[in-house]
Amino acid sequence: MNVFIGLDVSLASTAICVLGPQGKVVKEFQAASEPEALVLAIGSLPYTIDAIGLEAGPLSQWLSKGIEDAGFDVILMETRLVKAALKAMPIKTDRRDAQGIARLLQMGWYRPVHRKSVSSQEIRALLTARKSLQQAIINIELSMRGVLRNFGLKLGHVTRIRYDDRVRELVAENKILSASASTLLRAREQLRAELAALDTMITGLAKHDDVCRLMTTMPGVGPIVALTVRSAIDDPTRFARSKDVGPWAGLTPRRTQSGEMDIVGQITKTGDRGLRTALYQAAMILMHRGAPNWLQAWGRRVAHRRGSKRALIALARRIGVVLHRMWIDGTPFRYTQSSGAIA
């Protein structure tokens, strides 16, 4: 008997549902959320397994790789679509979620998600650590501004280099505030040192990577953006067309159409948020700085017609498309547009 298996993964255990022909539940049980335990549990079933499905999540990359290495066909299912389907169930439990995932797998009503390579996951971990350090520094600075404001001490606009001197100048006459500010300033300085070390490592990685070196030939694309794009896409051949990168990154307008109603709204914001942010930052730089080029001229024409906000989104989307095409073709960025350029 051929069966489909749905896995609902949690931190400690995984609910398993085995679905037979005509959607009949053959077996339901649990196993530890470890690749070895899941392989042992699934391998002991006396059935022919058509596919195993699980929702994409924090543990899914690790678990799916372990199960696939054991010889099973594993499918990562897009979270947004799975959640929308499971929301219709009046009672939500891990057992029912596993059953719902198995039914979606059997019906084919899912969108598969690409499982990233280990190298891409490592780069993502490095970029995530950098983002956390940045946010910690910002939080300390905002906290310090708020504390000083309670005493009528206004920090005002100050450069990064002058920040420490300005704070010490404001709290010099108050011992308690001086002690509090000194502690925060030391923490901030240590975080900045760690961030600088991480930036050096990231720059070195991008410098020794052929794809990243190729991407940085485009104005506005530095090591951070190049590594973000590289780790997010991972395998460029999984896109049939370069234009598919825009919708995948959530940079296309949302549309609601029914009968005579047809509403085009803001961008969908699906997919990788870090990638969208990186492409938007690259668009900001490309639009206002750097040597003149065809992409910058195109963005400025869109800004003249539709406004700067829409132009930046459109430019971010097109940067992603062009970077993907550069990656596929192995060609650096051209400052003048040829007749066969991407529309």
C-alpha atoms as a PDB file:
ATOM      1  CA  MET A   1       0.000   0.000   0.000  1.00  0.00           C
ATOM      2  CA  ASN A   2       1.290   3.435  -0.983  1.00  0.00           C
ATOM      3  CA  VAL A   3       1.075   6.108   1.706  1.00  0.00           C
ATOM      4  CA  PHE A   4       1.800   9.787   2.276  1.00  0.00           C
ATOM      5  CA  ILE A   5       3.325  10.916   5.573  1.00  0.00           C
ATOM      6  CA  GLY A   6       2.820  14.306   7.203  1.00  0.00           C
ATOM      7  CA  LEU A   7       5.154  15.582   9.932  1.00  0.00           C
ATOM      8  CA  ASP A   8       4.244  18.342  12.364  1.00  0.00           C
ATOM      9  CA  VAL A   9       7.548  19.355  13.941  1.00  0.00           C
ATOM     10  CA  SER A  10       7.975  20.900  17.377  1.00  0.00           C
ATOM     11  CA  LEU A  11      11.126  21.376  19.421  1.00  0.00           C
ATOM     12  CA  ALA A  12      10.941  18.140  21.439  1.00  0.00           C
ATOM     13  CA  SER A  13       8.701  15.792  19.436  1.00  0.00           C
ATOM     14  CA  THR A  14       7.180  15.381  15.982  1.00  0.00           C
ATOM     15  CA  ALA A  15       3.617  14.229  15.288  1.00  0.00           C
ATOM     16  CA  ILE A  16       3.473  11.734  12.408  1.00  0.00           C
ATOM     17  CA  CYS A  17       0.399  10.916  10.343  1.00  0.00           C
ATOM     18  CA  VAL A  18       0.378   8.099   7.772  1.00  0.00           C
ATOM     19  CA  LEU A  19      -2.315   8.611   5.126  1.00  0.00           C
ATOM     20  CA  GLY A  20      -3.395   5.750   2.857  1.00  0.00           C
ATOM     21  CA  PRO A  21      -5.572   5.605  -0.294  1.00  0.00           C
ATOM     22  CA  GLN A  22      -8.815   7.641  -0.337  1.00  0.00           C
ATOM     23  CA  GLY A  23      -7.424   9.802   2.456  1.00  0.00           C
ATOM     24  CA  LYS A  24      -7.784   7.142   5.147  1.00  0.00           C
ATOM     25  CA  VAL A  25      -5.615   7.607   8.232  1.00  0.00           C
ATOM     26  CA  VAL A  26      -3.560   4.427   8.569  1.00  0.00           C
ATOM     27  CA  LYS A  27      -1.480   5.276  11.619  1.00  0.00           C
ATOM     28  CA  GLU A  28      -0.720   8.195  13.939  1.00  0.00           C
ATOM     29  CA  PHE A  29       2.181   8.328  16.374  1.00  0.00           C
ATOM     30  CA  GLN A  30       4.996  10.530  17.684  1.00  0.00           C
ATOM     31  CA  ALA A  31       8.796  10.479  17.578  1.00  0.00           C
ATOM     32  CA  ALA A  32      11.593  12.682  18.885  1.00  0.00           C
ATOM     33  CA  SER A  33      12.528  15.651  16.692  1.00  0.00           C
ATOM     34  CA  GLU A  34      15.843  14.109  15.668  1.00  0.00           C
ATOM     35  CA  PRO A  35      16.725  12.830  12.172  1.00  0.00           C
ATOM     36  CA  GLU A  36      17.793   9.429  13.494  1.00  0.00           C
ATOM     37  CA  ALA A  37      14.578   8.946  15.505  1.00  0.00           C
ATOM     38  CA  LEU A  38      12.367   9.982  12.583  1.00  0.00           C
ATOM     39  CA  VAL A  39      14.223   7.739  10.118  1.00  0.00           C
ATOM     40  CA  LEU A  40      13.870   4.814  12.520  1.00  0.00           C
ATOM     41  CA  ALA A  41      10.138   5.472  13.042  1.00  0.00           C
ATOM     42  CA  ILE A  42       9.353   5.953   9.346  1.00  0.00           C
ATOM     43  CA  GLY A  43      11.596   3.075   8.228  1.00  0.00           C
ATOM     44  CA  SER A  44       9.737   0.640  10.462  1.00  0.00           C
ATOM     45  CA  LEU A  45       6.444   1.211   8.620  1.00  0.00           C
ATOM     46  CA  PRO A  46       5.401  -1.731   6.390  1.00  0.00           C
ATOM     47  CA  TYR A  47       4.234   0.530   3.547  1.00  0.00           C
ATOM     48  CA  THR A  48       5.543   1.986   0.308  1.00  0.00           C
ATOM     49  CA  ILE A  49       6.062   5.693   1.000  1.00  0.00           C
ATOM     50  CA  ASP A  50       5.224   8.031  -1.875  1.00  0.00           C
ATOM     51  CA  ALA A  51       6.374  11.222  -0.125  1.00  0.00           C
ATOM     52  CA  ILE A  52       7.025  12.756   3.263  1.00  0.00           C
ATOM     53  CA  GLY A  53       5.950  16.354   3.854  1.00  0.00           C
ATOM     54  CA  LEU A  54       6.742  18.862   6.565  1.00  0.00           C
ATOM     55  CA  GLU A  55       6.196  22.573   6.975  1.00  0.00           C
ATOM     56  CA  ALA A  56       9.248  24.789   6.400  1.00  0.00           C
ATOM     57  CA  GLY A  57      10.538  26.063   9.730  1.00  0.00           C
ATOM     58  CA  PRO A  58      13.592  26.433  11.989  1.00  0.00           C
ATOM     59  CA  LEU A  59      14.202  22.669  12.354  1.00  0.00           C
ATOM     60  CA  SER A  60      12.930  21.588   8.959  1.00  0.00           C
ATOM     61  CA  GLN A  61      16.175  22.147   7.019  1.00  0.00           C
ATOM     62  CA  TRP A  62      18.124  19.936   9.409  1.00  0.00           C
ATOM     63  CA  LEU A  63      15.457  17.244   9.744  1.00  0.00           C
ATOM     64  CA  SER A  64      14.626  17.048   6.030  1.00  0.00           C
ATOM     65  CA  LYS A  65      18.292  16.630   5.099  1.00  0.00           C
ATOM     66  CA  GLY A  66      18.714  13.804   7.598  1.00  0.00           C
ATOM     67  CA  ILE A  67      15.587  11.994   6.363  1.00  0.00           C
ATOM     68  CA  GLU A  68      16.506  12.518   2.707  1.00  0.00           C
ATOM     69  CA  ASP A  69      20.018  11.193   3.284  1.00  0.00           C
ATOM     70  CA  ALA A  70      18.356   7.976   4.532  1.00  0.00           C
ATOM     71  CA  GLY A  71      16.778   7.505   1.097  1.00  0.00           C
ATOM     72  CA  PHE A  72      13.284   8.971   1.560  1.00  0.00           C
ATOM     73  CA  ASP A  73      11.577  11.554  -0.666  1.00  0.00           C
ATOM     74  CA  VAL A  74      11.060  14.638   1.518  1.00  0.00           C
ATOM     75  CA  ILE A  75       9.153  17.783   0.535  1.00  0.00           C
ATOM     76  CA  LEU A  76       9.419  21.095   2.387  1.00  0.00           C
ATOM     77  CA  MET A  77       6.056  22.884   2.143  1.00  0.00           C
ATOM     78  CA  GLU A  78       5.637  26.661   2.118  1.00  0.00           C
ATOM     79  CA  THR A  79       4.544  27.839   5.573  1.00  0.00           C
ATOM     80  CA  ARG A  80       2.090  30.513   4.461  1.00  0.00           C
ATOM     81  CA  LEU A  81       0.030  28.123   2.343  1.00  0.00           C
ATOM     82  CA  VAL A  82       0.052  25.378   4.972  1.00  0.00           C
ATOM     83  CA  LYS A  83      -1.055  27.751   7.746  1.00  0.00           C
ATOM     84  CA  ALA A  84      -3.874  29.114   5.601  1.00  0.00           C
ATOM     85  CA  ALA A  85      -5.173  25.588   4.994  1.00  0.00           C
ATOM     86  CA  LEU A  86      -4.827  24.400   8.595  1.00  0.00           C
ATOM     87  CA  LYS A  87      -6.567  27.513   9.920  1.00  0.00           C
ATOM     88  CA  ALA A  88      -9.873  26.090   8.644  1.00  0.00           C
ATOM     89  CA  MET A  89      -9.776  23.331  11.282  1.00  0.00           C
ATOM     90  CA  PRO A  90     -11.861  24.253  14.357  1.00  0.00           C
ATOM     91  CA  ILE A  91      -9.639  22.214  16.695  1.00  0.00           C
ATOM     92  CA  LYS A  92      -5.878  22.637  16.398  1.00  0.00           C
ATOM     93  CA  THR A  93      -3.518  20.000  17.804  1.00  0.00           C
ATOM     94  CA  ASP A  94      -0.188  18.616  16.649  1.00  0.00           C
ATOM     95  CA  ARG A  95      -1.931  15.393  15.631  1.00  0.00           C
ATOM     96  CA  ARG A  96      -4.481  17.237  13.497  1.00  0.00           C
ATOM     97  CA  ASP A  97      -1.775  19.441  11.975  1.00  0.00           C
ATOM     98  CA  ALA A  98       0.208  16.370  10.915  1.00  0.00           C
ATOM     99  CA  GLN A  99      -2.972  14.933   9.392  1.00  0.00           C
ATOM    100  CA  GLY A 100      -3.643  18.192   7.546  1.00  0.00           C
ATOM    101  CA  ILE A 101      -0.088  18.303   6.170  1.00  0.00           C
ATOM    102  CA  ALA A 102      -0.438  14.703   4.948  1.00  0.00           C
ATOM    103  CA  ARG A 103      -3.726  15.535   3.195  1.00  0.00           C
ATOM    104  CA  LEU A 104      -2.215  18.610   1.517  1.00  0.00           C
ATOM    105  CA  LEU A 105       0.662  16.440   0.342  1.00  0.00           C
ATOM    106  CA  GLN A 106      -1.681  13.797  -1.030  1.00  0.00           C
ATOM    107  CA  MET A 107      -3.827  16.361  -2.891  1.00  0.00           C
ATOM    108  CA  GLY A 108      -0.795  18.234  -4.214  1.00  0.00           C
ATOM    109  CA  TRP A 109      -2.121  21.512  -2.762  1.00  0.00           C
ATOM    110  CA  TYR A 110       1.205  22.878  -1.602  1.00  0.00           C
ATOM    111  CA  ARG A 111       4.170  24.884  -2.841  1.00  0.00           C
ATOM    112  CA  PRO A 112       7.578  23.229  -2.388  1.00  0.00           C
ATOM    113  CA  VAL A 113      10.360  25.209  -0.699  1.00  0.00           C
ATOM    114  CA  HIS A 114      14.006  24.946  -1.673  1.00  0.00           C
ATOM    115  CA  ARG A 115      16.246  23.523   1.046  1.00  0.00           C
ATOM    116  CA  LYS A 116      19.350  25.670   1.257  1.00  0.00           C
ATOM    117  CA  SER A 117      22.848  24.237   1.189  1.00  0.00           C
ATOM    118  CA  VAL A 118      24.925  24.134   4.357  1.00  0.00           C
ATOM    119  CA  SER A 119      27.209  26.915   3.076  1.00  0.00           C
ATOM    120  CA  SER A 120      24.223  29.208   2.468  1.00  0.00           C
ATOM    121  CA  GLN A 121      22.872  28.481   5.952  1.00  0.00           C
ATOM    122  CA  GLU A 122      26.280  29.330   7.434  1.00  0.00           C
ATOM    123  CA  ILE A 123      26.353  32.658   5.586  1.00  0.00           C
ATOM    124  CA  ARG A 124      22.819  33.380   6.794  1.00  0.00           C
ATOM    125  CA  ALA A 125      23.913  32.680  10.364  1.00  0.00           C
ATOM    126  CA  LEU A 126      26.781  35.160   9.962  1.00  0.00           C
ATOM    127  CA  LEU A 127      24.495  37.844   8.516  1.00  0.00           C
ATOM    128  CA  THR A 128      21.934  37.239  11.269  1.00  0.00           C
ATOM    129  CA  ALA A 129      24.637  37.679  13.916  1.00  0.00           C
ATOM    130  CA  ARG A 130      25.671  40.954  12.299  1.00  0.00           C
ATOM    131  CA  LYS A 131      22.083  42.179  12.280  1.00  0.00           C
ATOM    132  CA  SER A 132      21.714  41.280  15.974  1.00  0.00           C
ATOM    133  CA  LEU A 133      24.831  43.250  16.870  1.00  0.00           C
ATOM    134  CA  GLN A 134      23.605  46.240  14.894  1.00  0.00           C
ATOM    135  CA  GLN A 135      20.240  46.136  16.651  1.00  0.00           C
ATOM    136  CA  ALA A 136      21.893  45.832  20.068  1.00  0.00           C
ATOM    137  CA  ILE A 137      23.985  48.954  19.391  1.00  0.00           C
ATOM    138  CA  ILE A 138      20.913  50.874  18.245  1.00  0.00           C
ATOM    139  CA  ASN A 139      18.966  49.789  21.341  1.00  0.00           C
ATOM    140  CA  ILE A 140      21.758  50.985  23.654  1.00  0.00           C
ATOM    141  CA  GLU A 141      21.926  54.356  21.904  1.00  0.00           C
ATOM    142  CA  LEU A 142      18.161  54.840  22.031  1.00  0.00           C
ATOM    143  CA  SER A 143      18.084  53.821  25.697  1.00  0.00           C
ATOM    144  CA  MET A 144      20.804  56.333  26.496  1.00  0.00           C
ATOM    145  CA  ARG A 145      18.980  59.113  24.685  1.00  0.00           C
ATOM    146  CA  GLY A 146      15.805  58.323  26.632  1.00  0.00           C
ATOM    147  CA  VAL A 147      17.569  58.320  30.006  1.00  0.00           C
ATOM    148  CA  LEU A 148      19.331  61.606  29.344  1.00  0.00           C
ATOM    149  CA  ARG A 149      16.133  63.219  28.084  1.00  0.00           C
ATOM    150  CA  ASN A 150      14.505  62.627  31.491  1.00  0.00           C
ATOM    151  CA  PHE A 151      17.053  65.041  32.957  1.00  0.00           C
ATOM    152  CA  GLY A 152      16.686  67.618  30.205  1.00  0.00           C
ATOM    153  CA  LEU A 153      19.949  66.554  28.559  1.00  0.00           C
ATOM    154  CA  LYS A 154      19.443  66.512  24.817  1.00  0.00           C
ATOM    155  CA  LEU A 155      21.950  64.540  22.793  1.00  0.00           C
ATOM    156  CA  GLY A 156      20.828  66.026  19.481  1.00  0.00           C
ATOM    157  CA  HIS A 157      22.316  65.090  16.139  1.00  0.00           C
ATOM    158  CA  VAL A 158      25.793  63.674  16.640  1.00  0.00           C
ATOM    159  CA  THR A 159      28.162  61.661  14.473  1.00  0.00           C
ATOM    160  CA  ARG A 160      29.275  58.155  15.408  1.00  0.00           C
ATOM    161  CA  ILE A 161      32.799  59.378  16.168  1.00  0.00           C
ATOM    162  CA  ARG A 162      31.609  62.215  18.412  1.00  0.00           C
ATOM    163  CA  TYR A 163      28.951  60.150  20.187  1.00  0.00           C
ATOM    164  CA  ASP A 164      31.013  59.117  23.245  1.00  0.00           C
ATOM    165  CA  ASP A 165      32.454  62.598  23.822  1.00  0.00           C
ATOM    166  CA  ARG A 166      29.032  64.208  23.571  1.00  0.00           C
ATOM    167  CA  VAL A 167      27.481  61.811  26.117  1.00  0.00           C
ATOM    168  CA  ARG A 168      30.348  62.224  28.583  1.00  0.00           C
ATOM    169  CA  GLU A 169      30.116  65.978  28.195  1.00  0.00           C
ATOM    170  CA  LEU A 170      26.415  65.966  29.108  1.00  0.00           C
ATOM    171  CA  VAL A 171      26.765  63.719  32.190  1.00  0.00           C
ATOM    172  CA  ALA A 172      30.045  65.120  33.505  1.00  0.00           C
ATOM    173  CA  GLU A 173      28.392  66.987  36.419  1.00  0.00           C
ATOM    174  CA  ASN A 174      26.247  64.079  37.645  1.00  0.00           C
ATOM    175  CA  LYS A 175      28.095  61.116  39.199  1.00  0.00           C
ATOM    176  CA  ILE A 176      25.146  58.707  39.010  1.00  0.00           C
ATOM    177  CA  LEU A 177      24.407  59.507  35.379  1.00  0.00           C
ATOM    178  CA  SER A 178      28.114  59.406  34.589  1.00  0.00           C
ATOM    179  CA  ALA A 179      28.420  55.884  36.028  1.00  0.00           C
ATOM    180  CA  SER A 180      25.302  54.725  34.153  1.00  0.00           C
ATOM    181  CA  ALA A 181      26.421  56.266  30.853  1.00  0.00           C
ATOM    182  CA  SER A 182      29.958  54.899  31.186  1.00  0.00           C
ATOM    183  CA  THR A 183      28.643  51.354  31.550  1.00  0.00           C
ATOM    184  CA  LEU A 184      26.486  51.677  28.444  1.00  0.00           C
ATOM    185  CA  LEU A 185      29.288  53.337  26.480  1.00  0.00           C
ATOM    186  CA  ARG A 186      31.688  50.508  27.310  1.00  0.00           C
ATOM    187  CA  ALA A 187      29.102  47.946  26.208  1.00  0.00           C
ATOM    188  CA  ARG A 188      28.493  49.922  23.020  1.00  0.00           C
ATOM    189  CA  GLU A 189      32.223  50.121  22.289  1.00  0.00           C
ATOM    190  CA  GLN A 190      32.614  46.362  22.744  1.00  0.00           C
ATOM    191  CA  LEU A 191      29.658  45.671  20.462  1.00  0.00           C
ATOM    192  CA  ARG A 192      31.099  48.001  17.832  1.00  0.00           C
ATOM    193  CA  ALA A 193      34.416  46.184  18.004  1.00  0.00           C
ATOM    194  CA  GLU A 194      32.659  42.836  17.522  1.00  0.00           C
ATOM    195  CA  LEU A 195      30.650  44.287  14.636  1.00  0.00           C
ATOM    196  CA  ALA A 196      33.828  45.574  12.975  1.00  0.00           C
ATOM    197  CA  ALA A 197      35.427  42.130  13.293  1.00  0.00           C
ATOM    198  CA  LEU A 198      32.333  40.512  11.792  1.00  0.00           C
ATOM    199  CA  ASP A 199      32.323  43.022   8.917  1.00  0.00           C
ATOM    200  CA  THR A 200      35.965  42.179   8.192  1.00  0.00           C
ATOM    201  CA  MET A 201      35.102  38.481   8.062  1.00  0.00           C
ATOM    202  CA  ILE A 202      32.100  39.105   5.796  1.00  0.00           C
ATOM    203  CA  THR A 203      34.164  41.296   3.449  1.00  0.00           C
ATOM    204  CA  GLY A 204      36.795  38.561   3.239  1.00  0.00           C
ATOM    205  CA  LEU A 205      34.175  35.931   2.396  1.00  0.00           C
ATOM    206  CA  ALA A 206      32.701  38.099  -0.357  1.00  0.00           C
ATOM    207  CA  LYS A 207      36.160  38.893  -1.722  1.00  0.00           C
ATOM    208  CA  HIS A 208      37.045  35.212  -2.134  1.00  0.00           C
ATOM    209  CA  ASP A 209      33.689  34.208  -3.629  1.00  0.00           C
ATOM    210  CA  ASP A 210      33.440  34.399  -7.430  1.00  0.00           C
ATOM    211  CA  VAL A 211      29.678  35.041  -7.440  1.00  0.00           C
ATOM    212  CA  CYS A 212      29.928  37.854  -4.871  1.00  0.00           C
ATOM    213  CA  ARG A 213      32.802  39.495  -6.752  1.00  0.00           C
ATOM    214  CA  LEU A 214      30.646  39.403  -9.874  1.00  0.00           C
ATOM    215  CA  MET A 215      27.656  40.968  -8.086  1.00  0.00           C
ATOM    216  CA  THR A 216      29.708  43.780  -6.562  1.00  0.00           C
ATOM    217  CA  THR A 217      30.475  45.093 -10.059  1.00  0.00           C
ATOM    218  CA  MET A 218      26.978  46.618  -9.889  1.00  0.00           C
ATOM    219  CA  PRO A 219      26.904  50.078  -8.223  1.00  0.00           C
ATOM    220  CA  GLY A 220      25.155  49.967  -4.843  1.00  0.00           C
ATOM    221  CA  VAL A 221      25.934  46.284  -4.270  1.00  0.00           C
ATOM    222  CA  GLY A 222      28.557  45.700  -1.577  1.00  0.00           C
ATOM    223  CA  PRO A 223      29.689  42.571   0.281  1.00  0.00           C
ATOM    224  CA  ILE A 224      26.624  42.500   2.583  1.00  0.00           C
ATOM    225  CA  VAL A 225      24.106  42.740  -0.263  1.00  0.00           C
ATOM    226  CA  ALA A 226      26.038  40.264  -2.429  1.00  0.00           C
ATOM    227  CA  LEU A 227      26.249  37.654   0.333  1.00  0.00           C
ATOM    228  CA  THR A 228      22.582  38.187   1.228  1.00  0.00           C
ATOM    229  CA  VAL A 229      21.484  37.605  -2.370  1.00  0.00           C
ATOM    230  CA  ARG A 230      23.818  34.642  -2.774  1.00  0.00           C
ATOM    231  CA  SER A 231      22.669  32.894   0.418  1.00  0.00           C
ATOM    232  CA  ALA A 232      18.971  33.630  -0.208  1.00  0.00           C
ATOM    233  CA  ILE A 233      18.881  32.341  -3.796  1.00  0.00           C
ATOM    234  CA  ASP A 234      21.483  29.606  -3.159  1.00  0.00           C
ATOM    235  CA  ASP A 235      20.867  27.837  -6.478  1.00  0.00           C
ATOM    236  CA  PRO A 236      20.109  30.199  -9.394  1.00  0.00           C
ATOM    237  CA  THR A 237      18.960  27.365 -11.669  1.00  0.00           C
ATOM    238  CA  ARG A 238      15.842  26.788  -9.556  1.00  0.00           C
ATOM    239  CA  PHE A 239      14.279  29.866 -11.212  1.00  0.00           C
ATOM    240  CA  ALA A 240      13.045  29.258 -14.751  1.00  0.00           C
ATOM    241  CA  ARG A 241      13.318  32.993 -15.495  1.00  0.00           C
ATOM    242  CA  SER A 242      15.230  35.825 -13.870  1.00  0.00           C
ATOM    243  CA  LYS A 243      11.930  37.750 -13.618  1.00  0.00           C
ATOM    244  CA  ASP A 244      10.678  35.158 -11.122  1.00  0.00           C
ATOM    245  CA  VAL A 245      13.070  36.536  -8.485  1.00  0.00           C
ATOM    246  CA  GLY A 246      10.922  39.663  -7.937  1.00  0.00           C
ATOM    247  CA  PRO A 247       7.686  37.863  -6.958  1.00  0.00           C
ATOM    248  CA  TRP A 248       9.651  35.294  -4.927  1.00  0.00           C
ATOM    249  CA  ALA A 249      11.251  38.090  -2.891  1.00  0.00           C
ATOM    250  CA  GLY A 250       7.840  39.700  -2.250  1.00  0.00           C
ATOM    251  CA  LEU A 251       8.573  42.831  -4.282  1.00  0.00           C
ATOM    252  CA  THR A 252       5.538  42.690  -6.569  1.00  0.00           C
ATOM    253  CA  PRO A 253       2.183  44.422  -5.861  1.00  0.00           C
ATOM    254  CA  ARG A 254      -0.563  42.507  -4.072  1.00  0.00           C
ATOM    255  CA  ARG A 255      -3.712  42.079  -6.184  1.00  0.00           C
ATOM    256  CA  THR A 256      -7.323  41.327  -5.184  1.00  0.00           C
ATOM    257  CA  GLN A 257      -9.680  40.719  -8.110  1.00  0.00           C
ATOM    258  CA  SER A 258     -13.285  39.501  -8.032  1.00  0.00           C
ATOM    259  CA  GLY A 259     -15.958  40.403 -10.564  1.00  0.00           C
ATOM    260  CA  GLU A 260     -15.777  44.130 -11.257  1.00  0.00           C
ATOM    261  CA  MET A 261     -13.435  44.693  -8.297  1.00  0.00           C
ATOM    262  CA  ASP A 262      -9.735  44.783  -9.102  1.00  0.00           C
ATOM    263  CA  ILE A 263      -7.498  46.260  -6.396  1.00  0.00           C
ATOM    264  CA  VAL A 264      -3.740  46.537  -6.777  1.00  0.00           C
ATOM    265  CA  GLY A 265      -2.193  47.217  -3.373  1.00  0.00           C
ATOM    266  CA  GLN A 266       1.194  47.323  -1.710  1.00  0.00           C
ATOM    267  CA  ILE A 267       3.888  44.706  -2.271  1.00  0.00           C
ATOM    268  CA  THR A 268       3.181  41.180  -1.039  1.00  0.00           C
ATOM    269  CA  LYS A 269       6.192  41.053   1.357  1.00  0.00           C
ATOM    270  CA  THR A 270       6.356  37.274   1.035  1.00  0.00           C
ATOM    271  CA  GLY A 271       9.626  35.405   1.078  1.00  0.00           C
ATOM    272  CA  ASP A 272      12.917  36.499   2.601  1.00  0.00           C
ATOM    273  CA  ARG A 273      12.664  39.780   4.524  1.00  0.00           C
ATOM    274  CA  GLY A 274      16.454  40.144   4.734  1.00  0.00           C
ATOM    275  CA  LEU A 275      16.718  39.857   0.956  1.00  0.00           C
ATOM    276  CA  ARG A 276      14.047  42.521   0.413  1.00  0.00           C
ATOM    277  CA  THR A 277      15.835  44.868   2.818  1.00  0.00           C
ATOM    278  CA  ALA A 278      19.202  44.307   1.106  1.00  0.00           C
ATOM    279  CA  LEU A 279      17.766  44.922  -2.370  1.00  0.00           C
ATOM    280  CA  TYR A 280      15.964  48.072  -1.165  1.00  0.00           C
ATOM    281  CA  GLN A 281      19.184  49.418   0.376  1.00  0.00           C
ATOM    282  CA  ALA A 282      21.025  48.707  -2.875  1.00  0.00           C
ATOM    283  CA  ALA A 283      18.289  50.587  -4.760  1.00  0.00           C
ATOM    284  CA  MET A 284      18.644  53.589  -2.435  1.00  0.00           C
ATOM    285  CA  ILE A 285      22.383  53.782  -3.052  1.00  0.00           C
ATOM    286  CA  LEU A 286      22.103  53.147  -6.775  1.00  0.00           C
ATOM    287  CA  MET A 287      19.431  55.831  -7.204  1.00  0.00           C
ATOM    288  CA  HIS A 288      21.387  58.612  -5.506  1.00  0.00           C
ATOM    289  CA  ARG A 289      25.080  57.735  -5.785  1.00  0.00           C
ATOM    290  CA  GLY A 290      27.654  56.152  -8.028  1.00  0.00           C
ATOM    291  CA  ALA A 291      28.570  56.524 -11.675  1.00  0.00           C
ATOM    292  CA  PRO A 292      25.675  57.073 -14.091  1.00  0.00           C
ATOM    293  CA  ASN A 293      24.346  53.864 -15.633  1.00  0.00           C
ATOM    294  CA  TRP A 294      21.284  52.581 -17.452  1.00  0.00           C
ATOM    295  CA  LEU A 295      19.700  51.086 -14.299  1.00  0.00           C
ATOM    296  CA  GLN A 296      19.984  54.369 -12.410  1.00  0.00           C
ATOM    297  CA  ALA A 297      18.507  56.258 -15.374  1.00  0.00           C
ATOM    298  CA  TRP A 298      15.608  53.785 -15.552  1.00  0.00           C
ATOM    299  CA  GLY A 299      14.869  54.224 -11.838  1.00  0.00           C
ATOM    300  CA  ARG A 300      14.873  57.999 -12.126  1.00  0.00           C
ATOM    301  CA  ARG A 301      12.450  57.854 -15.043  1.00  0.00           C
ATOM    302  CA  VAL A 302      10.091  55.703 -12.966  1.00  0.00           C
ATOM    303  CA  ALA A 303      10.454  58.173 -10.058  1.00  0.00           C
ATOM    304  CA  HIS A 304       9.499  61.045 -12.361  1.00  0.00           C
ATOM    305  CA  ARG A 305       6.346  59.218 -13.492  1.00  0.00           C
ATOM    306  CA  ARG A 306       5.240  57.346 -10.351  1.00  0.00           C
ATOM    307  CA  GLY A 307       7.065  58.914  -7.384  1.00  0.00           C
ATOM    308  CA  SER A 308      10.237  58.014  -5.511  1.00  0.00           C
ATOM    309  CA  LYS A 309       8.717  55.340  -3.214  1.00  0.00           C
ATOM    310  CA  ARG A 310       7.342  53.243  -6.039  1.00  0.00           C
ATOM    311  CA  ALA A 311      10.514  53.806  -8.035  1.00  0.00           C
ATOM    312  CA  LEU A 312      12.692  52.438  -5.231  1.00  0.00           C
ATOM    313  CA  ILE A 313      10.561  49.297  -4.940  1.00  0.00           C
ATOM    314  CA  ALA A 314      10.623  48.817  -8.720  1.00  0.00           C
ATOM    315  CA  LEU A 315      14.373  49.398  -8.786  1.00  0.00           C
ATOM    316  CA  ALA A 316      14.943  46.926  -5.919  1.00  0.00           C
ATOM    317  CA  ARG A 317      12.921  44.320  -7.818  1.00  0.00           C
ATOM    318  CA  ARG A 318      14.896  44.914 -10.996  1.00  0.00           C
ATOM    319  CA  ILE A 319      18.240  44.805  -9.186  1.00  0.00           C
ATOM    320  CA  GLY A 320      17.335  41.305  -7.974  1.00  0.00           C
ATOM    321  CA  VAL A 321      16.447  40.286 -11.529  1.00  0.00           C
ATOM    322  CA  VAL A 322      19.666  41.694 -13.006  1.00  0.00           C
ATOM    323  CA  LEU A 323      21.849  40.128 -10.281  1.00  0.00           C
ATOM    324  CA  HIS A 324      20.293  36.738 -10.977  1.00  0.00           C
ATOM    325  CA  ARG A 325      20.931  37.121 -14.692  1.00  0.00           C
ATOM    326  CA  MET A 326      24.547  38.184 -14.020  1.00  0.00           C
ATOM    327  CA  TRP A 327      24.949  35.075 -11.867  1.00  0.00           C
ATOM    328  CA  ILE A 328      23.514  32.774 -14.549  1.00  0.00           C
ATOM    329  CA  ASP A 329      25.506  34.305 -17.416  1.00  0.00           C
ATOM    330  CA  GLY A 330      28.697  34.869 -15.429  1.00  0.00           C
ATOM    331  CA  THR A 331      28.989  38.425 -16.774  1.00  0.00           C
ATOM    332  CA  PRO A 332      29.747  41.628 -14.820  1.00  0.00           C
ATOM    333  CA  PHE A 333      27.366  44.586 -14.688  1.00  0.00           C
ATOM    334  CA  ARG A 334      27.233  46.663 -17.867  1.00  0.00           C
ATOM    335  CA  TYR A 335      26.875  50.414 -17.415  1.00  0.00           C
ATOM    336  CA  THR A 336      25.174  50.787 -20.801  1.00  0.00           C
ATOM    337  CA  GLN A 337      22.116  48.728 -21.711  1.00  0.00           C
ATOM    338  CA  SER A 338      22.312  46.439 -24.724  1.00  0.00           C
ATOM    339  CA  SER A 339      19.359  45.625 -26.967  1.00  0.00           C
ATOM    340  CA  GLY A 340      18.958  42.213 -25.329  1.00  0.00           C
ATOM    341  CA  ALA A 341      18.899  43.470 -21.752  1.00  0.00           C
ATOM    342  CA  ILE A 342      16.341  42.267 -19.224  1.00  0.00           C
ATOM    343  CA  ALA A 343      13.075  44.217 -19.392  1.00  0.00           C
END
